Amino acid sequence: MEQLFDKFFDSVANLFSGGGGDEIPWCDGDVIHGCEKEVAEANKGDSDEHKSESIMRLSWALVHSRQPEDVQRGIAMLEASLANSSSPLHQREKLYLLAVGYFRTGEYSTCRHLVEQCLEIAPEWRQALTLKKTIKDKIAKDGFVGIGITVSAVGLIAAGIVSALVRR
C-alpha cells in the first residue's frame, strides 16, 4: 500500500514540476558582468545614445537572470528610465522587459498589465503576445497545482482514516 502511495505522489510531483515551461531565456552572471563593464565604459564619455543602449542591454540581462536580486535591480533600472522613453518603440521595449522581470518575480498581475500596455503600442508584437500566453498558462498551471495539492491532501486524509479503520 505504501509503495502505491509513493508511486502516486511521484507521478503527481512529475506532473507539476515540469521545467518551468516558459520560452523566456535565462541569462548568466558572465553576460551580466560584461554588460556592467560596457555601461561603465560608456559612462566614461560615449554618446548618450550608446550609454542608453548599454543600459538597455544590462537591463535585459538583469531581468533574464536566475538571481532574484539581479531581476530586482533590472526592474528598478527600467522603472527609473521609463519616463525618459523618447519613442513608442523604446517605451514598448522597456515595458516588455519590465513585464519579464515581474514574471520572473511571480508578480503575474503586474506582468499582465505591462504586457497589455505593450500590446496597446504594438498589437501584433509576437514577443508580447507570447509572454501574454505564457502568463496565462502559468496562472492556469498554478491553479491546477493548487487543486492537485488540495485533492492530494484530501486523499491522504481519507487514506489515513481508511487505514485506521482497517486496523481496528
N, C-alpha and C. Protein backbone atom coordinates (compact mmCIF):
# COMPACT_ATOMS: atom_id res chain seq x y z
N MET A 1 0.83 -1.19 0.00
CA MET A 1 0.00 0.00 0.00
C MET A 1 0.88 1.26 0.00
N GLU A 2 1.94 1.22 0.82
CA GLU A 2 2.83 2.38 0.91
C GLU A 2 3.52 2.64 -0.42
N GLN A 3 3.91 1.56 -1.13
CA GLN A 3 4.55 1.72 -2.43
C GLN A 3 3.59 2.37 -3.43
N LEU A 4 2.32 2.03 -3.33
CA LEU A 4 1.31 2.61 -4.21
C LEU A 4 1.21 4.12 -3.98
N PHE A 5 1.22 4.52 -2.69
CA PHE A 5 1.17 5.95 -2.36
C PHE A 5 2.41 6.66 -2.87
N ASP A 6 3.59 6.05 -2.70
CA ASP A 6 4.83 6.66 -3.17
C ASP A 6 4.80 6.85 -4.68
N LYS A 7 4.34 5.83 -5.38
CA LYS A 7 4.26 5.90 -6.83
C LYS A 7 3.30 7.01 -7.27
N PHE A 8 2.16 7.10 -6.59
CA PHE A 8 1.17 8.12 -6.90
C PHE A 8 1.77 9.52 -6.71
N PHE A 9 2.42 9.74 -5.57
CA PHE A 9 2.96 11.07 -5.28
C PHE A 9 4.13 11.41 -6.19
N ASP A 10 4.91 10.42 -6.60
CA ASP A 10 5.97 10.68 -7.57
C ASP A 10 5.39 11.13 -8.90
N SER A 11 4.32 10.48 -9.33
CA SER A 11 3.73 10.86 -10.61
C SER A 11 3.09 12.25 -10.52
N VAL A 12 2.47 12.58 -9.39
CA VAL A 12 1.90 13.91 -9.21
C VAL A 12 3.01 14.96 -9.20
N ALA A 13 4.10 14.67 -8.51
CA ALA A 13 5.22 15.61 -8.46
C ALA A 13 5.80 15.84 -9.85
N ASN A 14 5.93 14.78 -10.65
CA ASN A 14 6.45 14.93 -12.01
C ASN A 14 5.51 15.76 -12.88
N LEU A 15 4.22 15.57 -12.68
CA LEU A 15 3.24 16.32 -13.45
C LEU A 15 3.37 17.81 -13.17
N PHE A 16 3.54 18.16 -11.89
CA PHE A 16 3.52 19.56 -11.51
C PHE A 16 4.87 20.24 -11.58
N SER A 17 5.95 19.50 -11.59
CA SER A 17 7.25 20.16 -11.52
C SER A 17 7.71 20.68 -12.87
N GLY A 18 7.49 20.00 -13.97
CA GLY A 18 7.86 20.49 -15.30
C GLY A 18 9.19 21.21 -15.30
N GLY A 19 9.70 21.87 -16.24
CA GLY A 19 10.96 22.58 -16.18
C GLY A 19 10.77 24.08 -16.17
N GLY A 20 9.61 24.54 -15.76
CA GLY A 20 9.32 25.96 -15.85
C GLY A 20 8.39 26.19 -17.03
N GLY A 21 8.68 25.53 -18.17
CA GLY A 21 7.79 25.51 -19.30
C GLY A 21 7.67 26.82 -20.08
N ASP A 22 8.35 27.88 -19.67
CA ASP A 22 8.20 29.11 -20.43
C ASP A 22 9.32 29.22 -21.46
N GLU A 23 9.12 30.08 -22.41
CA GLU A 23 10.07 30.27 -23.51
C GLU A 23 10.99 31.46 -23.27
N ILE A 24 10.95 32.04 -22.10
CA ILE A 24 11.75 33.22 -21.81
C ILE A 24 13.18 32.77 -21.51
N PRO A 25 14.15 33.34 -22.21
CA PRO A 25 15.53 32.90 -22.00
C PRO A 25 16.09 33.34 -20.64
N TRP A 26 17.10 32.63 -20.21
CA TRP A 26 17.81 32.97 -18.98
C TRP A 26 19.13 33.62 -19.36
N CYS A 27 19.72 34.32 -18.41
CA CYS A 27 21.00 34.97 -18.65
C CYS A 27 21.92 34.65 -17.47
N ASP A 28 23.18 34.38 -17.75
CA ASP A 28 24.08 34.04 -16.65
C ASP A 28 24.91 35.25 -16.20
N GLY A 29 25.60 35.06 -15.10
CA GLY A 29 26.36 36.13 -14.47
C GLY A 29 27.46 36.71 -15.34
N ASP A 30 28.05 35.87 -16.20
CA ASP A 30 29.12 36.37 -17.08
C ASP A 30 28.61 37.42 -18.05
N VAL A 31 27.42 37.19 -18.59
CA VAL A 31 26.83 38.16 -19.51
C VAL A 31 26.51 39.46 -18.77
N ILE A 32 25.96 39.32 -17.57
CA ILE A 32 25.64 40.50 -16.76
C ILE A 32 26.91 41.29 -16.47
N HIS A 33 27.95 40.57 -16.09
CA HIS A 33 29.23 41.24 -15.79
C HIS A 33 29.76 41.98 -17.03
N GLY A 34 29.66 41.35 -18.19
CA GLY A 34 30.09 42.00 -19.42
C GLY A 34 29.28 43.26 -19.72
N CYS A 35 27.98 43.19 -19.48
CA CYS A 35 27.11 44.37 -19.70
C CYS A 35 27.44 45.48 -18.71
N GLU A 36 27.74 45.10 -17.47
CA GLU A 36 28.12 46.11 -16.47
C GLU A 36 29.40 46.82 -16.88
N LYS A 37 30.37 46.07 -17.41
CA LYS A 37 31.61 46.67 -17.88
C LYS A 37 31.34 47.61 -19.06
N GLU A 38 30.44 47.18 -19.94
CA GLU A 38 30.09 48.02 -21.10
C GLU A 38 29.45 49.34 -20.64
N VAL A 39 28.57 49.29 -19.64
CA VAL A 39 27.94 50.50 -19.13
C VAL A 39 28.99 51.41 -18.50
N ALA A 40 29.91 50.82 -17.74
CA ALA A 40 30.97 51.61 -17.11
C ALA A 40 31.82 52.31 -18.16
N GLU A 41 32.16 51.59 -19.23
CA GLU A 41 32.95 52.18 -20.31
C GLU A 41 32.17 53.30 -21.01
N ALA A 42 30.87 53.05 -21.25
CA ALA A 42 30.04 54.05 -21.93
C ALA A 42 29.90 55.32 -21.10
N ASN A 43 29.92 55.19 -19.79
CA ASN A 43 29.80 56.35 -18.91
C ASN A 43 31.06 57.20 -18.88
N LYS A 44 32.14 56.71 -19.48
CA LYS A 44 33.40 57.46 -19.49
C LYS A 44 33.47 58.48 -20.63
N GLY A 45 32.38 58.67 -21.34
CA GLY A 45 32.43 59.71 -22.36
C GLY A 45 31.77 59.36 -23.68
N ASP A 46 31.18 58.21 -23.80
CA ASP A 46 30.49 57.88 -25.06
C ASP A 46 29.24 58.74 -25.22
N SER A 47 28.64 58.63 -26.38
CA SER A 47 27.42 59.39 -26.67
C SER A 47 26.27 58.92 -25.77
N ASP A 48 25.30 59.78 -25.62
CA ASP A 48 24.14 59.43 -24.81
C ASP A 48 23.41 58.23 -25.39
N GLU A 49 23.39 58.14 -26.70
CA GLU A 49 22.72 57.00 -27.34
C GLU A 49 23.42 55.69 -26.99
N HIS A 50 24.76 55.69 -27.02
CA HIS A 50 25.50 54.48 -26.68
C HIS A 50 25.29 54.12 -25.21
N LYS A 51 25.28 55.11 -24.33
CA LYS A 51 25.01 54.87 -22.90
C LYS A 51 23.64 54.23 -22.73
N SER A 52 22.66 54.81 -23.41
CA SER A 52 21.29 54.30 -23.31
C SER A 52 21.19 52.85 -23.80
N GLU A 53 21.85 52.56 -24.93
CA GLU A 53 21.84 51.19 -25.46
C GLU A 53 22.53 50.22 -24.51
N SER A 54 23.62 50.65 -23.90
CA SER A 54 24.35 49.81 -22.94
C SER A 54 23.48 49.51 -21.72
N ILE A 55 22.78 50.53 -21.26
CA ILE A 55 21.91 50.35 -20.09
C ILE A 55 20.75 49.41 -20.43
N MET A 56 20.22 49.52 -21.64
CA MET A 56 19.15 48.61 -22.06
C MET A 56 19.64 47.17 -22.11
N ARG A 57 20.85 46.95 -22.62
CA ARG A 57 21.40 45.58 -22.66
C ARG A 57 21.60 45.05 -21.25
N LEU A 58 22.09 45.89 -20.34
CA LEU A 58 22.25 45.47 -18.95
C LEU A 58 20.89 45.17 -18.33
N SER A 59 19.90 46.01 -18.59
CA SER A 59 18.56 45.78 -18.06
C SER A 59 18.01 44.45 -18.56
N TRP A 60 18.21 44.18 -19.86
CA TRP A 60 17.76 42.91 -20.44
C TRP A 60 18.42 41.74 -19.70
N ALA A 61 19.73 41.83 -19.54
CA ALA A 61 20.46 40.74 -18.87
C ALA A 61 19.97 40.55 -17.43
N LEU A 62 19.75 41.63 -16.73
CA LEU A 62 19.33 41.54 -15.33
C LEU A 62 17.95 40.89 -15.17
N VAL A 63 16.97 41.31 -15.97
CA VAL A 63 15.63 40.74 -15.80
C VAL A 63 15.55 39.30 -16.30
N HIS A 64 16.55 38.86 -17.07
CA HIS A 64 16.59 37.47 -17.52
C HIS A 64 17.50 36.60 -16.64
N SER A 65 17.96 37.14 -15.54
CA SER A 65 18.85 36.41 -14.63
C SER A 65 18.08 35.41 -13.79
N ARG A 66 18.77 34.40 -13.33
CA ARG A 66 18.19 33.43 -12.39
C ARG A 66 18.29 33.94 -10.94
N GLN A 67 19.04 35.02 -10.74
CA GLN A 67 19.24 35.56 -9.39
C GLN A 67 18.18 36.62 -9.09
N PRO A 68 17.35 36.42 -8.07
CA PRO A 68 16.28 37.38 -7.77
C PRO A 68 16.78 38.80 -7.55
N GLU A 69 17.95 38.95 -6.95
CA GLU A 69 18.46 40.31 -6.71
C GLU A 69 18.82 41.01 -8.02
N ASP A 70 19.29 40.25 -9.01
CA ASP A 70 19.57 40.83 -10.32
C ASP A 70 18.27 41.28 -10.99
N VAL A 71 17.26 40.43 -10.90
CA VAL A 71 15.96 40.76 -11.51
C VAL A 71 15.41 42.04 -10.88
N GLN A 72 15.49 42.15 -9.56
CA GLN A 72 15.00 43.35 -8.88
C GLN A 72 15.79 44.59 -9.33
N ARG A 73 17.09 44.43 -9.49
CA ARG A 73 17.91 45.54 -9.96
C ARG A 73 17.50 45.97 -11.37
N GLY A 74 17.24 45.00 -12.22
CA GLY A 74 16.80 45.30 -13.59
C GLY A 74 15.46 46.02 -13.59
N ILE A 75 14.54 45.56 -12.75
CA ILE A 75 13.23 46.21 -12.64
C ILE A 75 13.40 47.67 -12.21
N ALA A 76 14.23 47.89 -11.20
CA ALA A 76 14.45 49.26 -10.70
C ALA A 76 15.04 50.16 -11.79
N MET A 77 16.02 49.63 -12.54
CA MET A 77 16.63 50.42 -13.62
C MET A 77 15.61 50.78 -14.69
N LEU A 78 14.78 49.80 -15.06
CA LEU A 78 13.79 50.04 -16.10
C LEU A 78 12.71 51.02 -15.64
N GLU A 79 12.26 50.86 -14.41
CA GLU A 79 11.24 51.79 -13.90
C GLU A 79 11.77 53.21 -13.84
N ALA A 80 13.04 53.35 -13.46
CA ALA A 80 13.65 54.69 -13.38
C ALA A 80 13.79 55.31 -14.77
N SER A 81 14.01 54.50 -15.78
CA SER A 81 14.24 55.05 -17.12
C SER A 81 12.97 55.12 -17.97
N LEU A 82 11.88 54.57 -17.51
CA LEU A 82 10.66 54.52 -18.30
C LEU A 82 10.15 55.91 -18.67
N ALA A 83 10.23 56.84 -17.75
CA ALA A 83 9.74 58.20 -18.01
C ALA A 83 10.58 58.91 -19.08
N ASN A 84 11.81 58.47 -19.28
CA ASN A 84 12.70 59.10 -20.25
C ASN A 84 12.62 58.47 -21.63
N SER A 85 11.62 57.63 -21.88
CA SER A 85 11.50 56.98 -23.18
C SER A 85 11.17 58.00 -24.24
N SER A 86 12.04 58.07 -25.24
CA SER A 86 11.90 59.11 -26.26
C SER A 86 10.95 58.71 -27.39
N SER A 87 10.69 57.43 -27.53
CA SER A 87 9.83 56.99 -28.63
C SER A 87 8.94 55.84 -28.15
N PRO A 88 7.85 55.60 -28.87
CA PRO A 88 6.98 54.46 -28.52
C PRO A 88 7.74 53.12 -28.58
N LEU A 89 8.68 53.01 -29.50
CA LEU A 89 9.47 51.78 -29.60
C LEU A 89 10.29 51.54 -28.33
N HIS A 90 10.96 52.59 -27.84
CA HIS A 90 11.73 52.45 -26.60
C HIS A 90 10.82 52.15 -25.42
N GLN A 91 9.67 52.82 -25.37
CA GLN A 91 8.73 52.57 -24.28
C GLN A 91 8.23 51.13 -24.33
N ARG A 92 7.91 50.64 -25.52
CA ARG A 92 7.45 49.26 -25.68
C ARG A 92 8.50 48.28 -25.18
N GLU A 93 9.77 48.51 -25.55
CA GLU A 93 10.86 47.62 -25.13
C GLU A 93 11.00 47.61 -23.61
N LYS A 94 10.95 48.79 -23.01
CA LYS A 94 11.10 48.87 -21.55
C LYS A 94 9.92 48.22 -20.83
N LEU A 95 8.71 48.45 -21.34
CA LEU A 95 7.53 47.82 -20.74
C LEU A 95 7.62 46.30 -20.83
N TYR A 96 8.08 45.81 -21.97
CA TYR A 96 8.23 44.37 -22.14
C TYR A 96 9.25 43.79 -21.16
N LEU A 97 10.41 44.46 -21.06
CA LEU A 97 11.43 43.97 -20.13
C LEU A 97 10.95 44.03 -18.69
N LEU A 98 10.21 45.08 -18.34
CA LEU A 98 9.60 45.15 -17.01
C LEU A 98 8.66 43.97 -16.80
N ALA A 99 7.87 43.66 -17.82
CA ALA A 99 6.94 42.52 -17.72
C ALA A 99 7.71 41.22 -17.49
N VAL A 100 8.82 41.04 -18.20
CA VAL A 100 9.65 39.85 -18.00
C VAL A 100 10.15 39.81 -16.55
N GLY A 101 10.63 40.95 -16.05
CA GLY A 101 11.11 41.00 -14.67
C GLY A 101 10.02 40.63 -13.68
N TYR A 102 8.84 41.19 -13.87
CA TYR A 102 7.75 40.86 -12.95
C TYR A 102 7.29 39.42 -13.10
N PHE A 103 7.39 38.86 -14.31
CA PHE A 103 7.09 37.44 -14.50
C PHE A 103 8.07 36.60 -13.68
N ARG A 104 9.35 36.97 -13.76
CA ARG A 104 10.38 36.22 -13.02
C ARG A 104 10.18 36.30 -11.50
N THR A 105 9.60 37.40 -11.02
CA THR A 105 9.38 37.53 -9.57
C THR A 105 8.05 36.92 -9.14
N GLY A 106 7.26 36.45 -10.11
CA GLY A 106 5.97 35.83 -9.78
C GLY A 106 4.84 36.82 -9.63
N GLU A 107 5.06 38.06 -10.00
CA GLU A 107 4.01 39.08 -9.92
C GLU A 107 3.26 39.11 -11.25
N TYR A 108 2.42 38.09 -11.45
CA TYR A 108 1.79 37.88 -12.75
C TYR A 108 0.76 38.96 -13.09
N SER A 109 0.10 39.51 -12.11
CA SER A 109 -0.89 40.56 -12.38
C SER A 109 -0.20 41.80 -12.95
N THR A 110 0.89 42.22 -12.32
CA THR A 110 1.65 43.37 -12.82
C THR A 110 2.22 43.06 -14.20
N CYS A 111 2.72 41.86 -14.37
CA CYS A 111 3.28 41.43 -15.65
C CYS A 111 2.22 41.51 -16.73
N ARG A 112 1.05 40.99 -16.47
CA ARG A 112 -0.03 41.00 -17.46
C ARG A 112 -0.42 42.44 -17.83
N HIS A 113 -0.48 43.31 -16.83
CA HIS A 113 -0.81 44.72 -17.08
C HIS A 113 0.24 45.37 -18.00
N LEU A 114 1.50 45.12 -17.75
CA LEU A 114 2.58 45.69 -18.57
C LEU A 114 2.54 45.14 -20.00
N VAL A 115 2.24 43.85 -20.14
CA VAL A 115 2.14 43.27 -21.48
C VAL A 115 0.99 43.91 -22.24
N GLU A 116 -0.11 44.16 -21.55
CA GLU A 116 -1.25 44.82 -22.20
C GLU A 116 -0.84 46.22 -22.69
N GLN A 117 -0.03 46.93 -21.90
CA GLN A 117 0.46 48.25 -22.34
C GLN A 117 1.34 48.11 -23.58
N CYS A 118 2.17 47.08 -23.62
CA CYS A 118 2.99 46.82 -24.82
C CYS A 118 2.10 46.61 -26.02
N LEU A 119 1.05 45.83 -25.84
CA LEU A 119 0.18 45.50 -26.96
C LEU A 119 -0.67 46.68 -27.41
N GLU A 120 -0.86 47.66 -26.54
CA GLU A 120 -1.53 48.90 -26.97
C GLU A 120 -0.63 49.66 -27.95
N ILE A 121 0.67 49.59 -27.71
CA ILE A 121 1.63 50.28 -28.59
C ILE A 121 1.83 49.49 -29.88
N ALA A 122 1.96 48.16 -29.76
CA ALA A 122 2.20 47.29 -30.91
C ALA A 122 1.34 46.03 -30.78
N PRO A 123 0.09 46.09 -31.26
CA PRO A 123 -0.86 44.99 -31.05
C PRO A 123 -0.44 43.63 -31.61
N GLU A 124 0.41 43.60 -32.59
CA GLU A 124 0.80 42.32 -33.20
C GLU A 124 2.22 41.88 -32.81
N TRP A 125 2.80 42.52 -31.78
CA TRP A 125 4.18 42.21 -31.41
C TRP A 125 4.24 40.80 -30.85
N ARG A 126 4.94 39.92 -31.55
CA ARG A 126 4.96 38.50 -31.23
C ARG A 126 5.52 38.21 -29.84
N GLN A 127 6.59 38.89 -29.43
CA GLN A 127 7.17 38.65 -28.11
C GLN A 127 6.15 38.93 -27.01
N ALA A 128 5.44 40.03 -27.12
CA ALA A 128 4.45 40.39 -26.10
C ALA A 128 3.29 39.40 -26.12
N LEU A 129 2.86 38.99 -27.32
CA LEU A 129 1.78 38.01 -27.41
C LEU A 129 2.20 36.67 -26.81
N THR A 130 3.45 36.29 -27.04
CA THR A 130 3.96 35.04 -26.46
C THR A 130 4.03 35.13 -24.94
N LEU A 131 4.51 36.26 -24.43
CA LEU A 131 4.57 36.44 -22.98
C LEU A 131 3.17 36.44 -22.38
N LYS A 132 2.22 37.05 -23.06
CA LYS A 132 0.84 37.06 -22.57
C LYS A 132 0.31 35.64 -22.44
N LYS A 133 0.58 34.79 -23.44
CA LYS A 133 0.15 33.39 -23.39
C LYS A 133 0.88 32.65 -22.28
N THR A 134 2.17 32.93 -22.11
CA THR A 134 2.96 32.28 -21.06
C THR A 134 2.41 32.62 -19.69
N ILE A 135 2.02 33.88 -19.49
CA ILE A 135 1.42 34.30 -18.22
C ILE A 135 0.12 33.54 -17.98
N LYS A 136 -0.71 33.51 -19.01
CA LYS A 136 -2.00 32.82 -18.89
C LYS A 136 -1.78 31.34 -18.54
N ASP A 137 -0.84 30.69 -19.22
CA ASP A 137 -0.54 29.28 -18.95
C ASP A 137 0.00 29.08 -17.54
N LYS A 138 0.86 29.99 -17.10
CA LYS A 138 1.45 29.87 -15.76
C LYS A 138 0.38 30.02 -14.68
N ILE A 139 -0.52 30.98 -14.86
CA ILE A 139 -1.60 31.17 -13.89
C ILE A 139 -2.50 29.94 -13.86
N ALA A 140 -2.81 29.39 -15.04
CA ALA A 140 -3.64 28.18 -15.10
C ALA A 140 -2.93 27.00 -14.45
N LYS A 141 -1.62 26.85 -14.70
CA LYS A 141 -0.85 25.75 -14.12
C LYS A 141 -0.79 25.89 -12.61
N ASP A 142 -0.56 27.11 -12.12
CA ASP A 142 -0.53 27.33 -10.67
C ASP A 142 -1.86 26.97 -10.03
N GLY A 143 -2.96 27.31 -10.71
CA GLY A 143 -4.28 26.95 -10.21
C GLY A 143 -4.46 25.44 -10.20
N PHE A 144 -3.97 24.77 -11.26
CA PHE A 144 -4.06 23.33 -11.36
C PHE A 144 -3.24 22.67 -10.26
N VAL A 145 -2.06 23.21 -9.99
CA VAL A 145 -1.21 22.69 -8.92
C VAL A 145 -1.92 22.83 -7.57
N GLY A 146 -2.54 23.99 -7.35
CA GLY A 146 -3.27 24.22 -6.10
C GLY A 146 -4.39 23.22 -5.91
N ILE A 147 -5.13 22.96 -6.98
CA ILE A 147 -6.20 21.97 -6.91
C ILE A 147 -5.62 20.59 -6.66
N GLY A 148 -4.52 20.27 -7.34
CA GLY A 148 -3.88 18.97 -7.15
C GLY A 148 -3.40 18.75 -5.73
N ILE A 149 -2.84 19.79 -5.14
CA ILE A 149 -2.37 19.69 -3.75
C ILE A 149 -3.56 19.47 -2.82
N THR A 150 -4.63 20.19 -3.05
CA THR A 150 -5.82 20.04 -2.22
C THR A 150 -6.39 18.63 -2.34
N VAL A 151 -6.51 18.13 -3.56
CA VAL A 151 -7.03 16.78 -3.77
C VAL A 151 -6.11 15.75 -3.13
N SER A 152 -4.80 15.96 -3.26
CA SER A 152 -3.84 15.04 -2.63
C SER A 152 -3.99 15.03 -1.12
N ALA A 153 -4.15 16.19 -0.53
CA ALA A 153 -4.32 16.28 0.92
C ALA A 153 -5.58 15.57 1.36
N VAL A 154 -6.67 15.78 0.64
CA VAL A 154 -7.93 15.09 0.97
C VAL A 154 -7.75 13.59 0.83
N GLY A 155 -7.05 13.16 -0.23
CA GLY A 155 -6.79 11.74 -0.43
C GLY A 155 -5.97 11.14 0.69
N LEU A 156 -4.97 11.87 1.15
CA LEU A 156 -4.15 11.38 2.28
C LEU A 156 -4.97 11.24 3.55
N ILE A 157 -5.81 12.22 3.80
CA ILE A 157 -6.66 12.16 5.00
C ILE A 157 -7.60 10.97 4.89
N ALA A 158 -8.21 10.80 3.73
CA ALA A 158 -9.13 9.67 3.54
C ALA A 158 -8.39 8.35 3.69
N ALA A 159 -7.19 8.25 3.11
CA ALA A 159 -6.40 7.02 3.23
C ALA A 159 -6.03 6.75 4.69
N GLY A 160 -5.70 7.80 5.42
CA GLY A 160 -5.39 7.64 6.85
C GLY A 160 -6.58 7.13 7.63
N ILE A 161 -7.75 7.66 7.33
CA ILE A 161 -8.97 7.22 8.03
C ILE A 161 -9.27 5.77 7.69
N VAL A 162 -9.17 5.43 6.40
CA VAL A 162 -9.43 4.04 5.97
C VAL A 162 -8.42 3.11 6.63
N SER A 163 -7.17 3.52 6.65
CA SER A 163 -6.12 2.70 7.25
C SER A 163 -6.39 2.48 8.74
N ALA A 164 -6.81 3.54 9.42
CA ALA A 164 -7.11 3.42 10.86
C ALA A 164 -8.30 2.51 11.09
N LEU A 165 -9.30 2.57 10.24
CA LEU A 165 -10.49 1.72 10.39
C LEU A 165 -10.16 0.27 10.09
N VAL A 166 -9.29 0.02 9.11
CA VAL A 166 -8.91 -1.34 8.77
C VAL A 166 -8.14 -2.01 9.90
N ARG A 167 -7.32 -1.26 10.60
CA ARG A 167 -6.51 -1.79 11.71
C ARG A 167 -7.37 -2.21 12.88
N ARG A 168 -8.51 -1.60 13.06
CA ARG A 168 -9.38 -1.96 14.19
C ARG A 168 -10.00 -3.27 13.93
